[in-house]
Amino acid sequence: IKVQDGPLTSRLQHIKRGDALLVGAKPVGTLVKDNLRPGRTLYMLSTGTGLAPFMSLIRDPDVYDRFEKVVLTHTCREVSELAYHDYISKEMPAHEYFGDAVREQLIYYPSVTREPFRNQGRITDLIDSGKLFTDIGLPEFTPEHDRIMICGSPEMLADLQKRAEDRGFTEGNSSRPGEYVIEKAFVDR
């Protein structure tokens, strides 16, 4: 997915074969599961390229040990931008090592905003209307039982952060785990 003038895409699009990328073994930043208190359901809410950090989390067996259900939402403008749809819905459930956990615990909820699709609309609207929860068969999230990770456009981050806090969720960090975390890599720039 290429986001016009997006803070991440603007940099990644210039990477060439042979360029060096630094990859660390230890997750850092604000969007890490250790910044969350224990809970029943983990909601990973993403738009566009915000799906990227969740791709590693949905392949992490520890995530399935820590939560009864893992809900991954990915909202894009068009169906063609749901880049990992087939991988998440077809290949992951068949995976030799974590396929059982994926089949039993992962709920993948793709949605689009600009063309007809089975799940249509902004994730904020799908949450506000209750449609997300009806569609996935879970109650609306609460800070007592559920945890939220948010990654996407700055506007979406702000909107979902407000909704989480309005529902009583507190933001977590490395010194004080909370009920939700938000990717801040591009929010403050």
N, C-alpha and C. Protein backbone atom coordinates (compact mmCIF):
# COMPACT_ATOMS: atom_id res chain seq x y z
N ILE A 1 0.86 -1.17 0.00
CA ILE A 1 0.00 0.00 0.00
C ILE A 1 0.90 1.22 0.00
N LYS A 2 0.67 2.09 -0.93
CA LYS A 2 1.45 3.33 -1.00
C LYS A 2 0.52 4.48 -0.63
N VAL A 3 0.85 5.15 0.46
CA VAL A 3 0.06 6.27 0.93
C VAL A 3 0.70 7.55 0.42
N GLN A 4 -0.03 8.29 -0.41
CA GLN A 4 0.48 9.54 -0.95
C GLN A 4 0.91 10.48 0.17
N ASP A 5 2.16 10.90 0.16
CA ASP A 5 2.73 11.78 1.18
C ASP A 5 2.68 11.20 2.59
N GLY A 6 2.52 9.89 2.70
CA GLY A 6 2.51 9.26 4.02
C GLY A 6 3.89 9.30 4.65
N PRO A 7 3.97 9.48 5.96
CA PRO A 7 5.27 9.61 6.61
C PRO A 7 6.15 8.37 6.48
N LEU A 8 5.56 7.18 6.47
CA LEU A 8 6.35 5.97 6.30
C LEU A 8 6.60 5.68 4.83
N THR A 9 5.55 5.73 4.03
CA THR A 9 5.68 5.45 2.61
C THR A 9 6.68 6.38 1.94
N SER A 10 6.69 7.64 2.34
CA SER A 10 7.61 8.62 1.74
C SER A 10 9.06 8.18 1.88
N ARG A 11 9.35 7.46 2.93
CA ARG A 11 10.72 6.98 3.14
C ARG A 11 10.93 5.61 2.51
N LEU A 12 10.00 4.71 2.70
CA LEU A 12 10.17 3.35 2.21
C LEU A 12 10.22 3.26 0.69
N GLN A 13 9.51 4.13 0.01
CA GLN A 13 9.45 4.03 -1.45
C GLN A 13 10.79 4.27 -2.12
N HIS A 14 11.75 4.85 -1.40
CA HIS A 14 13.06 5.13 -1.98
C HIS A 14 14.09 4.06 -1.65
N ILE A 15 13.71 3.04 -0.93
CA ILE A 15 14.64 1.96 -0.62
C ILE A 15 14.91 1.16 -1.89
N LYS A 16 16.18 0.86 -2.10
CA LYS A 16 16.58 0.10 -3.29
C LYS A 16 17.21 -1.22 -2.86
N ARG A 17 17.22 -2.15 -3.77
CA ARG A 17 17.87 -3.43 -3.53
C ARG A 17 19.31 -3.15 -3.12
N GLY A 18 19.73 -3.78 -2.03
CA GLY A 18 21.08 -3.59 -1.52
C GLY A 18 21.19 -2.56 -0.41
N ASP A 19 20.15 -1.73 -0.22
CA ASP A 19 20.17 -0.76 0.89
C ASP A 19 20.13 -1.51 2.22
N ALA A 20 20.77 -0.95 3.21
CA ALA A 20 20.79 -1.57 4.53
C ALA A 20 19.57 -1.13 5.34
N LEU A 21 18.96 -2.09 6.02
CA LEU A 21 17.86 -1.82 6.95
C LEU A 21 18.28 -2.38 8.30
N LEU A 22 18.04 -1.64 9.34
CA LEU A 22 18.36 -2.11 10.68
C LEU A 22 17.14 -2.78 11.29
N VAL A 23 17.30 -4.03 11.69
CA VAL A 23 16.21 -4.79 12.29
C VAL A 23 16.72 -5.33 13.62
N GLY A 24 16.01 -5.01 14.68
CA GLY A 24 16.40 -5.47 16.00
C GLY A 24 15.58 -6.67 16.43
N ALA A 25 16.13 -7.46 17.32
CA ALA A 25 15.43 -8.64 17.83
C ALA A 25 14.40 -8.28 18.89
N LYS A 26 14.62 -7.20 19.60
CA LYS A 26 13.73 -6.80 20.68
C LYS A 26 12.79 -5.72 20.19
N PRO A 27 11.46 -5.92 20.37
CA PRO A 27 10.54 -4.87 19.95
C PRO A 27 10.70 -3.63 20.83
N VAL A 28 10.68 -2.49 20.19
CA VAL A 28 10.79 -1.23 20.92
C VAL A 28 9.69 -0.29 20.45
N GLY A 29 9.53 0.80 21.15
CA GLY A 29 8.50 1.76 20.79
C GLY A 29 7.33 1.65 21.74
N THR A 30 6.20 2.12 21.28
CA THR A 30 5.01 2.14 22.13
C THR A 30 4.04 1.02 21.81
N LEU A 31 4.16 0.40 20.65
CA LEU A 31 3.20 -0.61 20.21
C LEU A 31 3.72 -2.02 20.51
N VAL A 32 3.93 -2.32 21.78
CA VAL A 32 4.41 -3.63 22.18
C VAL A 32 3.46 -4.22 23.22
N LYS A 33 3.29 -5.53 23.17
CA LYS A 33 2.30 -6.18 24.04
C LYS A 33 2.62 -6.05 25.52
N ASP A 34 3.90 -5.88 25.87
CA ASP A 34 4.25 -5.74 27.29
C ASP A 34 3.77 -4.41 27.88
N ASN A 35 3.35 -3.47 27.02
CA ASN A 35 2.81 -2.20 27.51
C ASN A 35 1.32 -2.31 27.84
N LEU A 36 0.77 -3.52 27.69
CA LEU A 36 -0.65 -3.77 27.99
C LEU A 36 -0.79 -4.63 29.23
N ARG A 37 -1.82 -4.33 30.01
CA ARG A 37 -2.15 -5.20 31.14
C ARG A 37 -2.78 -6.48 30.59
N PRO A 38 -2.81 -7.55 31.39
CA PRO A 38 -3.48 -8.77 30.94
C PRO A 38 -4.95 -8.50 30.63
N GLY A 39 -5.50 -9.23 29.69
CA GLY A 39 -6.90 -9.06 29.31
C GLY A 39 -7.44 -10.29 28.62
N ARG A 40 -8.71 -10.22 28.24
CA ARG A 40 -9.40 -11.34 27.60
C ARG A 40 -9.24 -11.30 26.09
N THR A 41 -9.50 -10.12 25.49
CA THR A 41 -9.46 -9.98 24.04
C THR A 41 -8.51 -8.86 23.67
N LEU A 42 -7.67 -9.12 22.67
CA LEU A 42 -6.77 -8.10 22.14
C LEU A 42 -7.33 -7.62 20.81
N TYR A 43 -7.59 -6.32 20.71
CA TYR A 43 -8.02 -5.70 19.47
C TYR A 43 -6.83 -4.98 18.85
N MET A 44 -6.48 -5.33 17.61
CA MET A 44 -5.43 -4.65 16.86
C MET A 44 -6.14 -3.91 15.73
N LEU A 45 -6.22 -2.59 15.84
CA LEU A 45 -6.98 -1.77 14.91
C LEU A 45 -6.01 -1.04 13.99
N SER A 46 -6.13 -1.28 12.68
CA SER A 46 -5.17 -0.70 11.74
C SER A 46 -5.86 -0.14 10.50
N THR A 47 -5.17 0.84 9.91
CA THR A 47 -5.55 1.35 8.60
C THR A 47 -4.31 1.37 7.74
N GLY A 48 -4.48 1.10 6.44
CA GLY A 48 -3.37 1.18 5.49
C GLY A 48 -2.14 0.42 5.94
N THR A 49 -0.99 1.10 5.88
CA THR A 49 0.28 0.47 6.25
C THR A 49 0.38 0.22 7.75
N GLY A 50 -0.58 0.70 8.52
CA GLY A 50 -0.61 0.44 9.95
C GLY A 50 -0.77 -1.04 10.29
N LEU A 51 -1.06 -1.85 9.30
CA LEU A 51 -1.15 -3.30 9.51
C LEU A 51 0.22 -3.91 9.83
N ALA A 52 1.29 -3.29 9.35
CA ALA A 52 2.63 -3.88 9.41
C ALA A 52 3.05 -4.42 10.78
N PRO A 53 2.96 -3.64 11.86
CA PRO A 53 3.41 -4.19 13.14
C PRO A 53 2.56 -5.35 13.63
N PHE A 54 1.33 -5.40 13.20
CA PHE A 54 0.45 -6.47 13.64
C PHE A 54 0.74 -7.79 12.91
N MET A 55 1.38 -7.71 11.75
CA MET A 55 1.71 -8.93 11.02
C MET A 55 2.67 -9.80 11.83
N SER A 56 3.58 -9.20 12.56
CA SER A 56 4.47 -10.01 13.40
C SER A 56 3.73 -10.49 14.66
N LEU A 57 2.87 -9.66 15.21
CA LEU A 57 2.15 -10.05 16.43
C LEU A 57 1.20 -11.22 16.19
N ILE A 58 0.54 -11.27 15.05
CA ILE A 58 -0.40 -12.38 14.81
C ILE A 58 0.33 -13.69 14.53
N ARG A 59 1.65 -13.63 14.37
CA ARG A 59 2.46 -14.85 14.21
C ARG A 59 3.22 -15.19 15.49
N ASP A 60 2.94 -14.49 16.56
CA ASP A 60 3.64 -14.68 17.83
C ASP A 60 2.79 -15.58 18.74
N PRO A 61 3.25 -16.81 19.02
CA PRO A 61 2.46 -17.71 19.87
C PRO A 61 2.13 -17.12 21.24
N ASP A 62 2.99 -16.26 21.77
CA ASP A 62 2.74 -15.65 23.08
C ASP A 62 1.46 -14.82 23.08
N VAL A 63 1.14 -14.20 21.96
CA VAL A 63 -0.10 -13.41 21.87
C VAL A 63 -1.30 -14.30 22.12
N TYR A 64 -1.28 -15.51 21.54
CA TYR A 64 -2.41 -16.43 21.71
C TYR A 64 -2.43 -17.06 23.10
N ASP A 65 -1.28 -17.11 23.76
CA ASP A 65 -1.25 -17.58 25.14
C ASP A 65 -1.79 -16.53 26.10
N ARG A 66 -1.60 -15.27 25.77
CA ARG A 66 -2.00 -14.17 26.67
C ARG A 66 -3.46 -13.76 26.53
N PHE A 67 -4.06 -14.02 25.36
CA PHE A 67 -5.44 -13.56 25.11
C PHE A 67 -6.31 -14.71 24.61
N GLU A 68 -7.58 -14.71 25.03
CA GLU A 68 -8.52 -15.72 24.56
C GLU A 68 -8.87 -15.50 23.09
N LYS A 69 -9.06 -14.24 22.71
CA LYS A 69 -9.37 -13.88 21.32
C LYS A 69 -8.45 -12.75 20.89
N VAL A 70 -8.09 -12.75 19.61
CA VAL A 70 -7.27 -11.71 19.01
C VAL A 70 -8.03 -11.20 17.79
N VAL A 71 -8.42 -9.94 17.81
CA VAL A 71 -9.19 -9.35 16.72
C VAL A 71 -8.28 -8.40 15.95
N LEU A 72 -8.10 -8.67 14.66
CA LEU A 72 -7.29 -7.82 13.79
C LEU A 72 -8.21 -7.14 12.79
N THR A 73 -8.28 -5.81 12.85
CA THR A 73 -9.03 -5.07 11.83
C THR A 73 -8.04 -4.37 10.92
N HIS A 74 -8.39 -4.30 9.65
CA HIS A 74 -7.56 -3.60 8.67
C HIS A 74 -8.49 -2.86 7.73
N THR A 75 -8.46 -1.54 7.78
CA THR A 75 -9.32 -0.72 6.94
C THR A 75 -8.48 -0.01 5.89
N CYS A 76 -8.93 -0.12 4.64
CA CYS A 76 -8.27 0.54 3.51
C CYS A 76 -9.34 1.21 2.66
N ARG A 77 -8.89 1.97 1.69
CA ARG A 77 -9.84 2.62 0.78
C ARG A 77 -10.49 1.60 -0.16
N GLU A 78 -9.69 0.72 -0.73
CA GLU A 78 -10.18 -0.22 -1.75
C GLU A 78 -9.76 -1.64 -1.41
N VAL A 79 -10.52 -2.60 -1.93
CA VAL A 79 -10.24 -4.01 -1.68
C VAL A 79 -8.82 -4.37 -2.11
N SER A 80 -8.36 -3.80 -3.20
CA SER A 80 -7.01 -4.12 -3.70
C SER A 80 -5.91 -3.73 -2.71
N GLU A 81 -6.21 -2.86 -1.76
CA GLU A 81 -5.22 -2.44 -0.76
C GLU A 81 -5.16 -3.37 0.45
N LEU A 82 -6.06 -4.33 0.52
CA LEU A 82 -6.03 -5.31 1.61
C LEU A 82 -4.96 -6.35 1.28
N ALA A 83 -3.71 -5.90 1.32
CA ALA A 83 -2.57 -6.63 0.78
C ALA A 83 -2.38 -8.03 1.36
N TYR A 84 -2.66 -8.25 2.61
CA TYR A 84 -2.40 -9.55 3.23
C TYR A 84 -3.67 -10.35 3.49
N HIS A 85 -4.75 -9.98 2.84
CA HIS A 85 -6.03 -10.65 3.06
C HIS A 85 -5.92 -12.16 2.91
N ASP A 86 -5.40 -12.62 1.78
CA ASP A 86 -5.32 -14.07 1.54
C ASP A 86 -4.35 -14.75 2.50
N TYR A 87 -3.26 -14.10 2.79
CA TYR A 87 -2.29 -14.69 3.72
C TYR A 87 -2.92 -14.88 5.10
N ILE A 88 -3.61 -13.85 5.58
CA ILE A 88 -4.20 -13.92 6.92
C ILE A 88 -5.37 -14.91 6.96
N SER A 89 -6.22 -14.87 5.94
CA SER A 89 -7.43 -15.69 5.99
C SER A 89 -7.24 -17.12 5.48
N LYS A 90 -6.21 -17.37 4.66
CA LYS A 90 -6.03 -18.71 4.10
C LYS A 90 -4.74 -19.40 4.54
N GLU A 91 -3.62 -18.70 4.44
CA GLU A 91 -2.34 -19.35 4.74
C GLU A 91 -2.08 -19.49 6.25
N MET A 92 -2.37 -18.46 7.01
CA MET A 92 -2.10 -18.54 8.45
C MET A 92 -2.87 -19.66 9.15
N PRO A 93 -4.16 -19.86 8.85
CA PRO A 93 -4.87 -20.96 9.51
C PRO A 93 -4.30 -22.34 9.18
N ALA A 94 -3.59 -22.45 8.07
CA ALA A 94 -2.99 -23.72 7.67
C ALA A 94 -1.54 -23.86 8.13
N HIS A 95 -1.03 -22.87 8.83
CA HIS A 95 0.38 -22.88 9.23
C HIS A 95 0.67 -24.06 10.16
N GLU A 96 1.80 -24.69 9.92
CA GLU A 96 2.20 -25.89 10.65
C GLU A 96 2.34 -25.66 12.16
N TYR A 97 2.85 -24.52 12.56
CA TYR A 97 3.14 -24.29 13.98
C TYR A 97 2.05 -23.55 14.73
N PHE A 98 1.48 -22.50 14.15
CA PHE A 98 0.50 -21.72 14.90
C PHE A 98 -0.88 -21.70 14.26
N GLY A 99 -1.12 -22.56 13.29
CA GLY A 99 -2.41 -22.62 12.61
C GLY A 99 -3.58 -22.91 13.53
N ASP A 100 -3.38 -23.82 14.50
CA ASP A 100 -4.46 -24.15 15.43
C ASP A 100 -4.89 -22.92 16.23
N ALA A 101 -3.93 -22.18 16.74
CA ALA A 101 -4.25 -20.97 17.52
C ALA A 101 -4.95 -19.94 16.65
N VAL A 102 -4.48 -19.78 15.42
CA VAL A 102 -5.09 -18.82 14.49
C VAL A 102 -6.54 -19.21 14.23
N ARG A 103 -6.79 -20.47 13.93
CA ARG A 103 -8.16 -20.92 13.63
C ARG A 103 -9.09 -20.73 14.82
N GLU A 104 -8.59 -20.96 16.03
CA GLU A 104 -9.44 -20.90 17.22
C GLU A 104 -9.57 -19.50 17.82
N GLN A 105 -8.54 -18.64 17.63
CA GLN A 105 -8.52 -17.39 18.38
C GLN A 105 -8.49 -16.11 17.55
N LEU A 106 -7.97 -16.16 16.33
CA LEU A 106 -7.84 -14.94 15.53
C LEU A 106 -9.12 -14.64 14.77
N ILE A 107 -9.59 -13.41 14.90
CA ILE A 107 -10.72 -12.92 14.12
C ILE A 107 -10.18 -11.80 13.24
N TYR A 108 -10.20 -12.02 11.93
CA TYR A 108 -9.70 -11.03 10.97
C TYR A 108 -10.90 -10.29 10.39
N TYR A 109 -10.86 -8.96 10.47
CA TYR A 109 -11.99 -8.13 10.02
C TYR A 109 -11.48 -7.04 9.08
N PRO A 110 -11.40 -7.36 7.78
CA PRO A 110 -11.01 -6.33 6.80
C PRO A 110 -12.21 -5.47 6.44
N SER A 111 -11.96 -4.19 6.18
CA SER A 111 -13.03 -3.31 5.72
C SER A 111 -12.47 -2.28 4.75
N VAL A 112 -13.34 -1.78 3.88
CA VAL A 112 -12.94 -0.76 2.92
C VAL A 112 -13.91 0.41 2.98
N THR A 113 -13.43 1.58 2.54
CA THR A 113 -14.25 2.78 2.65
C THR A 113 -14.78 3.31 1.33
N ARG A 114 -14.19 2.92 0.21
CA ARG A 114 -14.56 3.58 -1.05
C ARG A 114 -15.16 2.68 -2.12
N GLU A 115 -15.45 1.45 -1.78
CA GLU A 115 -16.12 0.58 -2.75
C GLU A 115 -16.89 -0.50 -2.01
N PRO A 116 -17.84 -1.14 -2.69
CA PRO A 116 -18.63 -2.18 -2.03
C PRO A 116 -17.75 -3.33 -1.54
N PHE A 117 -18.05 -3.80 -0.35
CA PHE A 117 -17.33 -4.92 0.26
C PHE A 117 -18.18 -5.42 1.42
N ARG A 118 -17.97 -6.63 1.83
CA ARG A 118 -18.81 -7.19 2.91
C ARG A 118 -18.73 -6.38 4.20
N ASN A 119 -17.57 -5.77 4.48
CA ASN A 119 -17.42 -4.87 5.62
C ASN A 119 -17.04 -3.51 5.06
N GLN A 120 -17.97 -2.60 5.06
CA GLN A 120 -17.73 -1.31 4.43
C GLN A 120 -17.85 -0.19 5.46
N GLY A 121 -16.85 0.70 5.46
CA GLY A 121 -16.89 1.86 6.33
C GLY A 121 -15.61 2.03 7.12
N ARG A 122 -15.46 3.21 7.69
CA ARG A 122 -14.30 3.50 8.54
C ARG A 122 -14.42 2.70 9.83
N ILE A 123 -13.29 2.28 10.36
CA ILE A 123 -13.32 1.47 11.58
C ILE A 123 -13.96 2.25 12.73
N THR A 124 -13.76 3.56 12.76
CA THR A 124 -14.38 4.36 13.81
C THR A 124 -15.90 4.27 13.73
N ASP A 125 -16.46 4.35 12.52
CA ASP A 125 -17.91 4.25 12.35
C ASP A 125 -18.41 2.85 12.67
N LEU A 126 -17.64 1.83 12.31
CA LEU A 126 -18.04 0.45 12.60
C LEU A 126 -18.04 0.17 14.10
N ILE A 127 -17.14 0.83 14.82
CA ILE A 127 -17.13 0.71 16.29
C ILE A 127 -18.30 1.48 16.89
N ASP A 128 -18.47 2.74 16.44
CA ASP A 128 -19.54 3.59 16.99
C ASP A 128 -20.93 2.99 16.79
N SER A 129 -21.16 2.39 15.63
CA SER A 129 -22.47 1.81 15.33
C SER A 129 -22.68 0.46 16.00
N GLY A 130 -21.59 -0.16 16.47
CA GLY A 130 -21.68 -1.49 17.05
C GLY A 130 -21.58 -2.60 16.02
N LYS A 131 -21.52 -2.23 14.74
CA LYS A 131 -21.48 -3.23 13.66
C LYS A 131 -20.27 -4.14 13.78
N LEU A 132 -19.10 -3.58 14.12
CA LEU A 132 -17.91 -4.42 14.27
C LEU A 132 -18.19 -5.55 15.26
N PHE A 133 -18.73 -5.22 16.41
CA PHE A 133 -18.94 -6.20 17.47
C PHE A 133 -20.03 -7.21 17.09
N THR A 134 -21.09 -6.74 16.44
CA THR A 134 -22.13 -7.64 15.97
C THR A 134 -21.55 -8.62 14.96
N ASP A 135 -20.78 -8.10 14.01
CA ASP A 135 -20.21 -8.94 12.95
C ASP A 135 -19.25 -10.00 13.50
N ILE A 136 -18.47 -9.67 14.51
CA ILE A 136 -17.49 -10.64 15.02
C ILE A 136 -18.03 -11.47 16.18
N GLY A 137 -19.23 -11.14 16.65
CA GLY A 137 -19.86 -11.94 17.70
C GLY A 137 -19.28 -11.75 19.09
N LEU A 138 -18.72 -10.56 19.35
CA LEU A 138 -18.17 -10.26 20.67
C LEU A 138 -18.85 -9.01 21.22
N PRO A 139 -18.90 -8.88 22.55
CA PRO A 139 -19.48 -7.66 23.12
C PRO A 139 -18.57 -6.46 22.85
N GLU A 140 -19.14 -5.26 22.96
CA GLU A 140 -18.32 -4.05 22.79
C GLU A 140 -17.18 -4.08 23.79
N PHE A 141 -16.04 -3.53 23.38
CA PHE A 141 -14.89 -3.64 24.27
C PHE A 141 -15.03 -2.75 25.51
N THR A 142 -14.44 -3.28 26.60
CA THR A 142 -14.44 -2.59 27.88
C THR A 142 -13.03 -2.65 28.46
N PRO A 143 -12.64 -1.64 29.26
CA PRO A 143 -11.30 -1.66 29.85
C PRO A 143 -11.11 -2.78 30.87
N GLU A 144 -12.19 -3.32 31.40
CA GLU A 144 -12.08 -4.41 32.36
C GLU A 144 -11.56 -5.69 31.72
N HIS A 145 -11.93 -5.94 30.46
CA HIS A 145 -11.62 -7.23 29.83
C HIS A 145 -10.76 -7.15 28.58
N ASP A 146 -10.74 -6.02 27.92
CA ASP A 146 -10.17 -5.96 26.59
C ASP A 146 -8.98 -5.02 26.50
N ARG A 147 -8.11 -5.28 25.53
CA ARG A 147 -6.93 -4.45 25.29
C ARG A 147 -6.93 -4.03 23.83
N ILE A 148 -6.41 -2.84 23.56
CA ILE A 148 -6.44 -2.29 22.21
C ILE A 148 -5.05 -1.82 21.81
N MET A 149 -4.66 -2.16 20.58
CA MET A 149 -3.45 -1.63 19.96
C MET A 149 -3.91 -0.90 18.69
N ILE A 150 -3.40 0.30 18.46
CA ILE A 150 -3.87 1.14 17.36
C ILE A 150 -2.68 1.58 16.50
N CYS A 151 -2.80 1.39 15.18
CA CYS A 151 -1.74 1.83 14.27
C CYS A 151 -2.37 2.19 12.93
N GLY A 152 -2.08 3.40 12.45
CA GLY A 152 -2.63 3.84 11.17
C GLY A 152 -2.36 5.30 10.94
N SER A 153 -3.24 5.93 10.20
CA SER A 153 -3.08 7.34 9.88
C SER A 153 -3.18 8.19 11.14
N PRO A 154 -2.54 9.35 11.16
CA PRO A 154 -2.62 10.21 12.35
C PRO A 154 -4.06 10.55 12.75
N GLU A 155 -4.93 10.76 11.77
CA GLU A 155 -6.33 11.09 12.07
C GLU A 155 -7.02 9.92 12.75
N MET A 156 -6.81 8.73 12.22
CA MET A 156 -7.41 7.53 12.80
C MET A 156 -6.89 7.30 14.21
N LEU A 157 -5.58 7.50 14.40
CA LEU A 157 -5.00 7.34 15.73
C LEU A 157 -5.67 8.26 16.74
N ALA A 158 -5.83 9.52 16.37
CA ALA A 158 -6.45 10.49 17.28
C ALA A 158 -7.90 10.13 17.56
N ASP A 159 -8.64 9.74 16.51
CA ASP A 159 -10.05 9.38 16.69
C ASP A 159 -10.22 8.17 17.60
N LEU A 160 -9.41 7.13 17.38
CA LEU A 160 -9.56 5.92 18.18
C LEU A 160 -9.01 6.10 19.60
N GLN A 161 -7.99 6.92 19.75
CA GLN A 161 -7.48 7.21 21.09
C GLN A 161 -8.58 7.90 21.91
N LYS A 162 -9.27 8.86 21.31
CA LYS A 162 -10.36 9.55 22.01
C LYS A 162 -11.48 8.58 22.38
N ARG A 163 -11.84 7.71 21.44
CA ARG A 163 -12.90 6.75 21.72
C ARG A 163 -12.50 5.80 22.86
N ALA A 164 -11.25 5.35 22.84
CA ALA A 164 -10.78 4.46 23.91
C ALA A 164 -10.84 5.17 25.26
N GLU A 165 -10.33 6.39 25.31
CA GLU A 165 -10.32 7.12 26.58
C GLU A 165 -11.73 7.47 27.04
N ASP A 166 -12.63 7.78 26.10
CA ASP A 166 -14.03 8.04 26.45
C ASP A 166 -14.69 6.82 27.08
N ARG A 167 -14.20 5.63 26.75
CA ARG A 167 -14.75 4.39 27.31
C ARG A 167 -14.02 3.97 28.59
N GLY A 168 -13.05 4.76 29.03
CA GLY A 168 -12.36 4.47 30.28
C GLY A 168 -11.04 3.73 30.15
N PHE A 169 -10.56 3.52 28.93
CA PHE A 169 -9.27 2.87 28.73
C PHE A 169 -8.15 3.86 29.07
N THR A 170 -7.07 3.36 29.66
CA THR A 170 -5.90 4.20 29.92
C THR A 170 -4.74 3.74 29.04
N GLU A 171 -3.96 4.71 28.59
CA GLU A 171 -2.84 4.40 27.70
C GLU A 171 -1.70 3.76 28.49
N GLY A 172 -1.14 2.71 27.93
CA GLY A 172 -0.03 2.02 28.57
C GLY A 172 1.31 2.45 28.01
N ASN A 173 2.35 2.21 28.80
CA ASN A 173 3.72 2.44 28.35
C ASN A 173 4.62 1.45 29.07
N SER A 174 5.93 1.54 28.84
CA SER A 174 6.85 0.55 29.40
C SER A 174 6.92 0.61 30.92
N SER A 175 6.65 1.74 31.51
CA SER A 175 6.72 1.83 32.97
C SER A 175 5.36 1.61 33.64
N ARG A 176 4.28 1.77 32.88
CA ARG A 176 2.94 1.60 33.44
C ARG A 176 2.02 1.00 32.38
N PRO A 177 1.90 -0.33 32.33
CA PRO A 177 1.01 -0.94 31.35
C PRO A 177 -0.43 -0.45 31.52
N GLY A 178 -1.15 -0.36 30.42
CA GLY A 178 -2.53 0.11 30.44
C GLY A 178 -3.43 -0.78 29.62
N GLU A 179 -4.59 -0.22 29.24
CA GLU A 179 -5.56 -0.99 28.46
C GLU A 179 -5.45 -0.76 26.96
N TYR A 180 -4.71 0.28 26.55
CA TYR A 180 -4.50 0.48 25.12
C TYR A 180 -3.13 1.09 24.88
N VAL A 181 -2.62 0.85 23.67
CA VAL A 181 -1.37 1.47 23.23
C VAL A 181 -1.58 1.97 21.80
N ILE A 182 -0.78 2.96 21.45
CA ILE A 182 -0.93 3.61 20.15
C ILE A 182 0.46 3.78 19.54
N GLU A 183 0.57 3.60 18.24
CA GLU A 183 1.86 3.79 17.58
C GLU A 183 2.13 5.28 17.48
N LYS A 184 3.22 5.71 18.06
CA LYS A 184 3.53 7.14 18.09
C LYS A 184 4.66 7.52 17.15
N ALA A 185 5.14 6.62 16.34
CA ALA A 185 6.30 6.91 15.50
C ALA A 185 6.09 8.12 14.61
N PHE A 186 4.87 8.32 14.13
CA PHE A 186 4.63 9.42 13.20
C PHE A 186 3.62 10.43 13.71
N VAL A 187 3.09 10.22 14.90
CA VAL A 187 2.06 11.11 15.43
C VAL A 187 2.64 12.47 15.80
N ASP A 188 3.79 12.48 16.42
CA ASP A 188 4.34 13.73 16.94
C ASP A 188 5.19 14.51 15.93
N ARG A 189 5.35 14.02 14.73
CA ARG A 189 6.23 14.67 13.76
C ARG A 189 5.49 15.64 12.89
